[in-house]
Amino acid sequence: MQDYQTQLEKLRKDAAECALIRDLATDKAKRELFERIANHLTVLADQVEQAMNDRTKGAVA
């Protein structure tokens, strides 16, 4: 389970960094690219978190 938590934290951190780059970018194409990357990483983090929750619920039941 610690592996999941480590990956979740990394994905969330990477998404935040991409959002920061997006916010600081002056080039429109770069802003759009980092927006898509930030969104994608956020979705991946959400999926990892859901998998963790499902696994925890399965272990308790």
Protein backbone atom coordinates (compact mmCIF):
# COMPACT_ATOMS: atom_id res chain seq x y z
CA MET A 1 0.00 0.00 0.00
CA GLN A 2 2.94 2.32 0.62
CA ASP A 3 3.84 2.02 -3.09
CA TYR A 4 0.40 3.34 -4.00
CA GLN A 5 0.74 6.24 -1.56
CA THR A 6 4.20 7.13 -2.89
CA GLN A 7 2.95 7.13 -6.48
CA LEU A 8 -0.13 9.12 -5.53
CA GLU A 9 1.98 11.81 -3.89
CA LYS A 10 4.33 11.93 -6.89
CA LEU A 11 1.46 12.27 -9.36
CA ARG A 12 -0.14 15.06 -7.34
CA LYS A 13 3.20 16.88 -7.04
CA ASP A 14 3.90 16.53 -10.77
CA ALA A 15 0.40 17.80 -11.60
CA ALA A 16 0.93 20.84 -9.38
CA GLU A 17 4.29 21.55 -11.01
CA CYS A 18 2.74 21.35 -14.47
CA ALA A 19 -0.01 23.72 -13.38
CA LEU A 20 2.63 26.15 -12.13
CA ILE A 21 4.51 25.97 -15.43
CA ARG A 22 1.20 26.52 -17.23
CA ASP A 23 0.49 29.59 -15.13
CA LEU A 24 3.95 31.05 -15.75
CA ALA A 25 4.14 30.26 -19.47
CA THR A 26 3.86 33.17 -21.87
CA ASP A 27 3.51 31.00 -24.97
CA LYS A 28 -0.07 29.89 -25.67
CA ALA A 29 0.94 26.47 -27.03
CA LYS A 30 3.07 25.79 -23.94
CA ARG A 31 0.22 26.83 -21.62
CA GLU A 32 -2.17 24.50 -23.42
CA LEU A 33 0.30 21.61 -23.34
CA PHE A 34 0.96 21.94 -19.62
CA GLU A 35 -2.77 22.31 -18.96
CA ARG A 36 -3.37 18.95 -20.67
CA ILE A 37 -0.48 17.32 -18.81
CA ALA A 38 -1.67 18.68 -15.44
CA ASN A 39 -5.19 17.43 -16.12
CA HIS A 40 -3.96 14.02 -17.21
CA LEU A 41 -1.76 13.61 -14.12
CA THR A 42 -4.67 14.65 -11.91
CA VAL A 43 -6.89 11.99 -13.48
CA LEU A 44 -4.16 9.38 -12.98
CA ALA A 45 -3.77 10.41 -9.34
CA ASP A 46 -7.52 10.15 -8.84
CA GLN A 47 -7.47 6.64 -10.31
CA VAL A 48 -4.62 5.55 -8.04
CA GLU A 49 -6.48 6.97 -5.05
CA GLN A 50 -9.64 5.12 -6.06
CA ALA A 51 -7.67 1.89 -6.42
CA MET A 52 -6.26 2.42 -2.93
CA ASN A 53 -9.75 2.99 -1.52
CA ASP A 54 -11.14 -0.07 -3.32
CA ARG A 55 -8.31 -2.20 -2.02
CA THR A 56 -8.79 -0.97 1.52
CA LYS A 57 -12.52 -1.65 1.38
CA GLY A 58 -11.83 -5.12 0.00
CA ALA A 59 -9.41 -5.90 2.82
CA VAL A 60 -11.91 -4.83 5.47
CA ALA A 61 -14.87 -6.73 4.05
